[in-house]
C-alpha atoms as a PDB file:
ATOM      1  CA  MET A   1      43.039 124.333-114.109  1.00  0.00           C
ATOM      2  CA  SER A   2      45.223 123.204-117.014  1.00  0.00           C
ATOM      3  CA  GLN A   3      48.474 121.359-116.485  1.00  0.00           C
ATOM      4  CA  THR A   4      51.606 122.026-118.489  1.00  0.00           C
ATOM      5  CA  THR A   5      53.010 118.899-120.102  1.00  0.00           C
ATOM      6  CA  GLN A   6      56.699 118.528-119.388  1.00  0.00           C
ATOM      7  CA  PRO A   7      58.878 117.633-122.400  1.00  0.00           C
ATOM      8  CA  LYS A   8      60.206 114.079-122.393  1.00  0.00           C
ATOM      9  CA  PHE A   9      63.512 115.275-123.818  1.00  0.00           C
ATOM     10  CA  PRO A  10      64.269 118.640-122.173  1.00  0.00           C
ATOM     11  CA  TRP A  11      67.819 118.633-123.536  1.00  0.00           C
ATOM     12  CA  ILE A  12      66.614 118.907-127.167  1.00  0.00           C
ATOM     13  CA  GLN A  13      65.808 122.622-126.971  1.00  0.00           C
ATOM     14  CA  ASP A  14      69.183 123.347-125.365  1.00  0.00           C
ATOM     15  CA  ARG A  15      71.008 121.312-127.987  1.00  0.00           C
ATOM     16  CA  LEU A  16      69.349 123.163-130.870  1.00  0.00           C
ATOM     17  CA  ASN A  17      70.005 126.524-129.222  1.00  0.00           C
ATOM     18  CA  ASP A  18      73.679 125.666-128.716  1.00  0.00           C
ATOM     19  CA  TRP A  19      74.224 124.504-132.295  1.00  0.00           C
ATOM     20  CA  THR A  20      72.574 127.517-133.898  1.00  0.00           C
ATOM     21  CA  THR A  21      74.385 129.907-131.560  1.00  0.00           C
ATOM     22  CA  GLU A  22      77.774 128.365-132.275  1.00  0.00           C
ATOM     23  CA  ASP A  23      77.115 128.266-136.029  1.00  0.00           C
ATOM     24  CA  PRO A  24      74.272 130.535-137.277  1.00  0.00           C
ATOM     25  CA  GLU A  25      74.563 128.886-140.703  1.00  0.00           C
ATOM     26  CA  PHE A  26      73.918 125.393-139.350  1.00  0.00           C
ATOM     27  CA  ALA A  27      71.425 123.574-141.598  1.00  0.00           C
ATOM     28  CA  PHE A  28      68.185 122.998-139.696  1.00  0.00           C
ATOM     29  CA  ALA A  29      67.434 119.672-141.424  1.00  0.00           C
ATOM     30  CA  VAL A  30      70.852 118.444-140.340  1.00  0.00           C
ATOM     31  CA  ALA A  31      70.183 119.654-136.794  1.00  0.00           C
ATOM     32  CA  ALA A  32      66.908 117.713-136.706  1.00  0.00           C
ATOM     33  CA  VAL A  33      68.587 114.485-137.816  1.00  0.00           C
ATOM     34  CA  LYS A  34      71.466 114.958-135.341  1.00  0.00           C
ATOM     35  CA  VAL A  35      68.994 115.339-132.481  1.00  0.00           C
ATOM     36  CA  LEU A  36      67.054 112.218-133.485  1.00  0.00           C
ATOM     37  CA  VAL A  37      70.275 110.221-133.808  1.00  0.00           C
ATOM     38  CA  GLU A  38      71.164 111.255-130.265  1.00  0.00           C
ATOM     39  CA  VAL A  39      67.707 110.180-129.079  1.00  0.00           C
ATOM     40  CA  LEU A  40      68.286 106.865-130.818  1.00  0.00           C
ATOM     41  CA  THR A  41      71.673 106.260-129.200  1.00  0.00           C
ATOM     42  CA  ARG A  42      70.380 107.262-125.739  1.00  0.00           C
ATOM     43  CA  SER A  43      67.225 105.186-126.018  1.00  0.00           C
ATOM     44  CA  GLY A  44      66.581 102.329-123.623  1.00  0.00           C
ATOM     45  CA  ALA A  45      63.819 100.919-125.831  1.00  0.00           C
ATOM     46  CA  THR A  46      63.821  97.145-126.329  1.00  0.00           C
ATOM     47  CA  THR A  47      61.347  96.970-129.216  1.00  0.00           C
ATOM     48  CA  MET A  48      60.861  98.843-132.453  1.00  0.00           C
ATOM     49  CA  MET A  49      57.429 100.028-131.297  1.00  0.00           C
ATOM     50  CA  GLU A  50      58.935 101.629-128.176  1.00  0.00           C
ATOM     51  CA  LEU A  51      61.698 103.222-130.218  1.00  0.00           C
ATOM     52  CA  LYS A  52      59.284 104.680-132.768  1.00  0.00           C
ATOM     53  CA  SER A  53      57.186 106.112-129.925  1.00  0.00           C
ATOM     54  CA  GLU A  54      60.242 107.832-128.420  1.00  0.00           C
ATOM     55  CA  LEU A  55      61.289 109.209-131.796  1.00  0.00           C
ATOM     56  CA  ASP A  56      57.759 110.506-132.452  1.00  0.00           C
ATOM     57  CA  ASP A  57      57.844 112.418-129.155  1.00  0.00           C
ATOM     58  CA  ALA A  58      61.303 113.773-129.965  1.00  0.00           C
ATOM     59  CA  LYS A  59      60.163 114.858-133.436  1.00  0.00           C
ATOM     60  CA  GLU A  60      57.372 116.949-131.932  1.00  0.00           C
ATOM     61  CA  GLU A  61      59.822 118.670-129.597  1.00  0.00           C
ATOM     62  CA  VAL A  62      62.222 119.387-132.459  1.00  0.00           C
ATOM     63  CA  LYS A  63      59.439 120.906-134.571  1.00  0.00           C
ATOM     64  CA  ALA A  64      58.116 122.887-131.574  1.00  0.00           C
ATOM     65  CA  TRP A  65      61.513 124.611-131.231  1.00  0.00           C
ATOM     66  CA  ASN A  66      60.599 126.764-134.223  1.00  0.00           C
ATOM     67  CA  LYS A  67      57.365 125.965-136.030  1.00  0.00           C
ATOM     68  CA  ASP A  68      58.166 128.382-138.878  1.00  0.00           C
ATOM     69  CA  ILE A  69      61.207 126.444-140.127  1.00  0.00           C
ATOM     70  CA  ILE A  70      60.041 123.972-142.749  1.00  0.00           C
ATOM     71  CA  SER A  71      63.369 122.177-142.996  1.00  0.00           C
ATOM     72  CA  LEU A  72      63.117 121.059-139.351  1.00  0.00           C
ATOM     73  CA  SER A  73      59.993 119.101-140.223  1.00  0.00           C
ATOM     74  CA  SER A  74      61.650 117.837-143.408  1.00  0.00           C
ATOM     75  CA  GLY A  75      64.639 116.513-141.471  1.00  0.00           C
ATOM     76  CA  CYS A  76      62.334 114.759-139.009  1.00  0.00           C
ATOM     77  CA  GLU A  77      60.301 113.145-141.768  1.00  0.00           C
ATOM     78  CA  LEU A  78      63.447 112.042-143.560  1.00  0.00           C
ATOM     79  CA  PHE A  79      64.680 110.282-140.441  1.00  0.00           C
ATOM     80  CA  THR A  80      61.265 108.641-140.023  1.00  0.00           C
ATOM     81  CA  ARG A  81      61.702 107.136-143.480  1.00  0.00           C
ATOM     82  CA  PHE A  82      65.094 105.772-142.407  1.00  0.00           C
ATOM     83  CA  VAL A  83      63.444 104.111-139.400  1.00  0.00           C
ATOM     84  CA  THR A  84      60.534 102.670-141.365  1.00  0.00           C
ATOM     85  CA  ARG A  85      62.744 101.265-144.110  1.00  0.00           C
ATOM     86  CA  ALA A  86      65.263  99.772-141.678  1.00  0.00           C
ATOM     87  CA  SER A  87      62.540  98.122-139.574  1.00  0.00           C
ATOM     88  CA  LEU A  88      61.178  96.414-142.680  1.00  0.00           C
ATOM     89  CA  GLU A  89      64.576  95.260-143.908  1.00  0.00           C
ATOM     90  CA  ILE A  90      66.117  94.087-140.605  1.00  0.00           C
ATOM     91  CA  GLN A  91      64.294  91.978-138.040  1.00  0.00           C
ATOM     92  CA  ASP A  92      66.882  92.017-135.251  1.00  0.00           C
ATOM     93  CA  PHE A  93      66.285  95.129-133.118  1.00  0.00           C
ATOM     94  CA  GLU A  94      69.876  95.882-132.090  1.00  0.00           C
ATOM     95  CA  THR A  95      71.160  95.364-135.628  1.00  0.00           C
ATOM     96  CA  CYS A  96      68.422  97.678-136.865  1.00  0.00           C
ATOM     97  CA  LYS A  97      69.502 100.416-134.439  1.00  0.00           C
ATOM     98  CA  GLU A  98      73.113 100.109-135.579  1.00  0.00           C
ATOM     99  CA  ARG A  99      72.083 100.342-139.220  1.00  0.00           C
ATOM    100  CA  LEU A 100      69.990 103.444-138.499  1.00  0.00           C
ATOM    101  CA  VAL A 101      72.922 105.200-136.854  1.00  0.00           C
ATOM    102  CA  GLN A 102      75.161 104.283-139.801  1.00  0.00           C
ATOM    103  CA  ARG A 103      72.656 105.633-142.343  1.00  0.00           C
ATOM    104  CA  ALA A 104      72.134 108.831-140.374  1.00  0.00           C
ATOM    105  CA  GLU A 105      75.869 109.441-140.017  1.00  0.00           C
ATOM    106  CA  ARG A 106      76.278 108.906-143.755  1.00  0.00           C
ATOM    107  CA  PHE A 107      73.501 111.425-144.392  1.00  0.00           C
ATOM    108  CA  LEU A 108      75.119 113.965-142.064  1.00  0.00           C
ATOM    109  CA  GLN A 109      78.466 113.502-143.803  1.00  0.00           C
ATOM    110  CA  ILE A 110      76.940 114.143-147.232  1.00  0.00           C
ATOM    111  CA  ALA A 111      74.819 117.050-145.991  1.00  0.00           C
ATOM    112  CA  SER A 112      77.716 118.804-144.285  1.00  0.00           C
ATOM    113  CA  GLY A 113      79.618 118.915-147.574  1.00  0.00           C
ATOM    114  CA  SER A 114      76.699 119.876-149.822  1.00  0.00           C
ATOM    115  CA  LYS A 115      76.905 123.616-149.153  1.00  0.00           C
ATOM    116  CA  ARG A 116      80.609 123.625-149.972  1.00  0.00           C
ATOM    117  CA  LYS A 117      79.991 121.673-153.169  1.00  0.00           C
ATOM    118  CA  ILE A 118      77.258 124.091-154.290  1.00  0.00           C
ATOM    119  CA  ALA A 119      79.573 127.032-153.573  1.00  0.00           C
ATOM    120  CA  GLN A 120      82.201 125.488-155.833  1.00  0.00           C
ATOM    121  CA  LEU A 121      79.736 124.691-158.620  1.00  0.00           C
ATOM    122  CA  GLY A 122      78.346 128.216-158.464  1.00  0.00           C
ATOM    123  CA  GLN A 123      81.642 129.748-159.495  1.00  0.00           C
ATOM    124  CA  GLY A 124      80.895 129.109-163.149  1.00  0.00           C
ATOM    125  CA  PHE A 125      78.032 131.590-162.937  1.00  0.00           C
ATOM    126  CA  ILE A 126      79.890 134.447-161.251  1.00  0.00           C
ATOM    127  CA  ARG A 127      82.200 136.285-163.630  1.00  0.00           C
ATOM    128  CA  ASP A 128      84.083 139.536-163.229  1.00  0.00           C
ATOM    129  CA  GLY A 129      81.786 142.528-163.573  1.00  0.00           C
ATOM    130  CA  VAL A 130      78.442 140.774-162.977  1.00  0.00           C
ATOM    131  CA  VAL A 131      75.675 142.226-160.795  1.00  0.00           C
ATOM    132  CA  VAL A 132      73.804 139.648-158.694  1.00  0.00           C
ATOM    133  CA  LEU A 133      70.396 140.240-157.120  1.00  0.00           C
ATOM    134  CA  VAL A 134      69.713 138.292-153.916  1.00  0.00           C
ATOM    135  CA  HIS A 135      66.539 137.978-151.863  1.00  0.00           C
ATOM    136  CA  GLY A 136      66.581 137.032-148.181  1.00  0.00           C
ATOM    137  CA  PHE A 137      69.450 135.535-146.216  1.00  0.00           C
ATOM    138  CA  SER A 138      70.268 132.088-147.563  1.00  0.00           C
ATOM    139  CA  ARG A 139      73.221 130.222-146.062  1.00  0.00           C
ATOM    140  CA  VAL A 140      73.912 128.551-149.413  1.00  0.00           C
ATOM    141  CA  VAL A 141      73.684 131.750-151.474  1.00  0.00           C
ATOM    142  CA  THR A 142      76.009 133.416-148.991  1.00  0.00           C
ATOM    143  CA  ALA A 143      78.481 130.549-149.369  1.00  0.00           C
ATOM    144  CA  VAL A 144      78.424 130.916-153.174  1.00  0.00           C
ATOM    145  CA  LEU A 145      79.116 134.659-152.967  1.00  0.00           C
ATOM    146  CA  LEU A 146      81.818 134.409-150.316  1.00  0.00           C
ATOM    147  CA  HIS A 147      83.593 131.635-152.205  1.00  0.00           C
ATOM    148  CA  ALA A 148      83.564 133.751-155.368  1.00  0.00           C
ATOM    149  CA  ALA A 149      85.043 136.684-153.434  1.00  0.00           C
ATOM    150  CA  SER A 150      87.763 134.401-152.053  1.00  0.00           C
ATOM    151  CA  GLN A 151      88.670 133.596-155.672  1.00  0.00           C
ATOM    152  CA  ASN A 152      89.279 137.336-156.243  1.00  0.00           C
ATOM    153  CA  LYS A 153      86.311 137.701-158.567  1.00  0.00           C
ATOM    154  CA  ARG A 154      85.043 141.264-158.960  1.00  0.00           C
ATOM    155  CA  PHE A 155      81.273 141.473-158.777  1.00  0.00           C
ATOM    156  CA  SER A 156      78.601 143.400-156.910  1.00  0.00           C
ATOM    157  CA  VAL A 157      75.380 142.427-155.163  1.00  0.00           C
ATOM    158  CA  ILE A 158      71.975 144.057-154.909  1.00  0.00           C
ATOM    159  CA  ALA A 159      70.067 142.806-151.872  1.00  0.00           C
ATOM    160  CA  THR A 160      66.368 143.316-151.156  1.00  0.00           C
ATOM    161  CA  GLU A 161      65.198 144.336-147.689  1.00  0.00           C
ATOM    162  CA  THR A 162      62.996 141.200-147.576  1.00  0.00           C
ATOM    163  CA  ARG A 163      60.114 142.614-145.598  1.00  0.00           C
ATOM    164  CA  PRO A 164      57.943 141.929-143.709  1.00  0.00           C
ATOM    165  CA  SER A 165      59.857 139.809-141.231  1.00  0.00           C
ATOM    166  CA  LEU A 166      58.897 138.548-137.776  1.00  0.00           C
ATOM    167  CA  GLU A 167      62.528 137.909-136.888  1.00  0.00           C
ATOM    168  CA  LYS A 168      64.494 140.118-134.479  1.00  0.00           C
ATOM    169  CA  SER A 169      66.388 141.563-137.440  1.00  0.00           C
ATOM    170  CA  PRO A 170      65.409 141.459-141.131  1.00  0.00           C
ATOM    171  CA  PRO A 171      67.191 138.772-143.214  1.00  0.00           C
ATOM    172  CA  SER A 172      68.675 141.509-145.388  1.00  0.00           C
ATOM    173  CA  LEU A 173      70.764 142.777-142.462  1.00  0.00           C
ATOM    174  CA  GLY A 174      72.381 139.372-142.046  1.00  0.00           C
ATOM    175  CA  MET A 175      73.227 139.261-145.746  1.00  0.00           C
ATOM    176  CA  ALA A 176      74.466 142.863-145.776  1.00  0.00           C
ATOM    177  CA  SER A 177      76.673 142.195-142.759  1.00  0.00           C
ATOM    178  CA  ARG A 178      78.314 139.165-144.370  1.00  0.00           C
ATOM    179  CA  LEU A 179      78.869 141.007-147.653  1.00  0.00           C
ATOM    180  CA  ALA A 180      80.362 144.015-145.901  1.00  0.00           C
ATOM    181  CA  ASP A 181      82.689 141.836-143.804  1.00  0.00           C
ATOM    182  CA  SER A 182      83.922 140.166-146.992  1.00  0.00           C
ATOM    183  CA  GLY A 183      84.445 143.421-148.881  1.00  0.00           C
ATOM    184  CA  ILE A 184      81.820 142.633-151.521  1.00  0.00           C
ATOM    185  CA  PRO A 185      80.184 145.816-152.901  1.00  0.00           C
ATOM    186  CA  PHE A 186      76.436 145.746-152.305  1.00  0.00           C
ATOM    187  CA  THR A 187      73.347 147.919-152.534  1.00  0.00           C
ATOM    188  CA  LEU A 188      70.307 147.464-150.295  1.00  0.00           C
ATOM    189  CA  ILE A 189      66.959 148.182-151.988  1.00  0.00           C
ATOM    190  CA  MET A 190      63.291 148.083-151.068  1.00  0.00           C
ATOM    191  CA  ASP A 191      61.424 145.021-152.290  1.00  0.00           C
ATOM    192  CA  SER A 192      59.165 147.260-154.368  1.00  0.00           C
ATOM    193  CA  ALA A 193      62.196 148.535-156.322  1.00  0.00           C
ATOM    194  CA  VAL A 194      62.953 145.150-157.906  1.00  0.00           C
ATOM    195  CA  GLY A 195      61.265 146.079-161.197  1.00  0.00           C
ATOM    196  CA  TYR A 196      63.231 149.347-161.381  1.00  0.00           C
ATOM    197  CA  ILE A 197      66.588 147.726-160.654  1.00  0.00           C
ATOM    198  CA  MET A 198      66.148 144.563-162.749  1.00  0.00           C
ATOM    199  CA  PRO A 199      67.668 145.983-166.000  1.00  0.00           C
ATOM    200  CA  GLN A 200      70.959 146.432-164.108  1.00  0.00           C
ATOM    201  CA  VAL A 201      71.016 142.825-162.905  1.00  0.00           C
ATOM    202  CA  ASP A 202      72.776 139.944-164.680  1.00  0.00           C
ATOM    203  CA  PHE A 203      71.045 137.179-162.727  1.00  0.00           C
ATOM    204  CA  ILE A 204      69.248 136.396-159.465  1.00  0.00           C
ATOM    205  CA  LEU A 205      70.288 134.008-156.704  1.00  0.00           C
ATOM    206  CA  CYS A 206      67.873 132.847-154.022  1.00  0.00           C
ATOM    207  CA  GLY A 207      67.689 130.057-151.491  1.00  0.00           C
ATOM    208  CA  ALA A 208      64.784 127.801-150.620  1.00  0.00           C
ATOM    209  CA  GLU A 209      63.059 126.865-147.392  1.00  0.00           C
ATOM    210  CA  ALA A 210      61.985 123.673-149.159  1.00  0.00           C
ATOM    211  CA  VAL A 211      62.074 122.036-152.584  1.00  0.00           C
ATOM    212  CA  ILE A 212      58.857 120.173-153.348  1.00  0.00           C
ATOM    213  CA  GLU A 213      58.371 117.049-155.451  1.00  0.00           C
ATOM    214  CA  ASN A 214      57.383 118.825-158.678  1.00  0.00           C
ATOM    215  CA  GLY A 215      60.538 120.946-158.616  1.00  0.00           C
ATOM    216  CA  GLY A 216      58.910 124.059-157.162  1.00  0.00           C
ATOM    217  CA  ILE A 217      60.341 125.864-154.166  1.00  0.00           C
ATOM    218  CA  ILE A 218      59.044 127.444-150.973  1.00  0.00           C
ATOM    219  CA  ASN A 219      60.960 130.567-150.041  1.00  0.00           C
ATOM    220  CA  ARG A 220      60.686 134.034-148.533  1.00  0.00           C
ATOM    221  CA  ILE A 221      57.634 136.057-149.457  1.00  0.00           C
ATOM    222  CA  GLY A 222      58.456 138.127-152.517  1.00  0.00           C
ATOM    223  CA  THR A 223      60.380 135.408-154.360  1.00  0.00           C
ATOM    224  CA  TYR A 224      57.452 134.742-156.683  1.00  0.00           C
ATOM    225  CA  GLN A 225      57.126 138.363-157.781  1.00  0.00           C
ATOM    226  CA  ILE A 226      60.882 138.580-158.338  1.00  0.00           C
ATOM    227  CA  SER A 227      60.720 135.509-160.589  1.00  0.00           C
ATOM    228  CA  ILE A 228      57.920 137.097-162.638  1.00  0.00           C
ATOM    229  CA  VAL A 229      59.891 140.330-163.092  1.00  0.00           C
ATOM    230  CA  ALA A 230      63.042 138.356-163.932  1.00  0.00           C
ATOM    231  CA  LYS A 231      61.186 136.416-166.625  1.00  0.00           C
ATOM    232  CA  GLU A 232      59.834 139.644-168.125  1.00  0.00           C
ATOM    233  CA  PHE A 233      63.373 141.022-168.389  1.00  0.00           C
ATOM    234  CA  ASN A 234      64.877 137.687-169.534  1.00  0.00           C
ATOM    235  CA  LYS A 235      67.111 137.468-166.479  1.00  0.00           C
ATOM    236  CA  PRO A 236      68.129 134.010-165.186  1.00  0.00           C
ATOM    237  CA  LEU A 237      67.049 133.067-161.671  1.00  0.00           C
ATOM    238  CA  TYR A 238      69.002 130.311-159.924  1.00  0.00           C
ATOM    239  CA  VAL A 239      67.973 128.552-156.704  1.00  0.00           C
ATOM    240  CA  CYS A 240      70.773 127.450-154.387  1.00  0.00           C
ATOM    241  CA  ALA A 241      69.626 124.760-151.982  1.00  0.00           C
ATOM    242  CA  GLU A 242      70.807 121.488-150.502  1.00  0.00           C
ATOM    243  CA  SER A 243      68.906 118.341-151.396  1.00  0.00           C
ATOM    244  CA  PHE A 244      68.109 116.038-148.459  1.00  0.00           C
END
């Protein structure tokens, strides 16, 4: 008879659920770091070895919350690098903990403003009369489009259905809902219609689940074929993503 292992940090799942419910556009990498900072501040560890063990357990619980979200793992690994670097630089344990909290808070401050900064920088690409093709529901792409609309720019969006999806509702519905609420004209198309619609498009915006070391991206299935079609029609494709 197998026994179910009880989580060492049962509050982690609740915390992640609360944050994403309160703000559906909350960055998952930021959520991961916030959780690990809270583990750090709550910890009763007296040595770096004990602290690392606690953080390793917490990391597994964060990643188990949703194993399909790459940025959760990325946020955890980023924080691990903070810990490793600080432990090598600072010998005193309590001073090391303080420095870790300071670095993490600085990271969270920068990360929280990155989406807003990208939205502002993206305004140079969106001119009156352009048609933008989007794929999936990216928080950052949405921010770029909504900011442009708030600047009274007149443009329209073509959004793919982004299927298949294992989520309760397809990503396209989230994007369509935000566009409709903001009064941005949009057309929803099947993924297979990208080649047909591409001549009408001025450029493509997409997000990224992850940006890898060689500059490539990991994103929703279908992004690769869209990039191939865009290249054939000489249409620019821009990736909007935070860098952590």
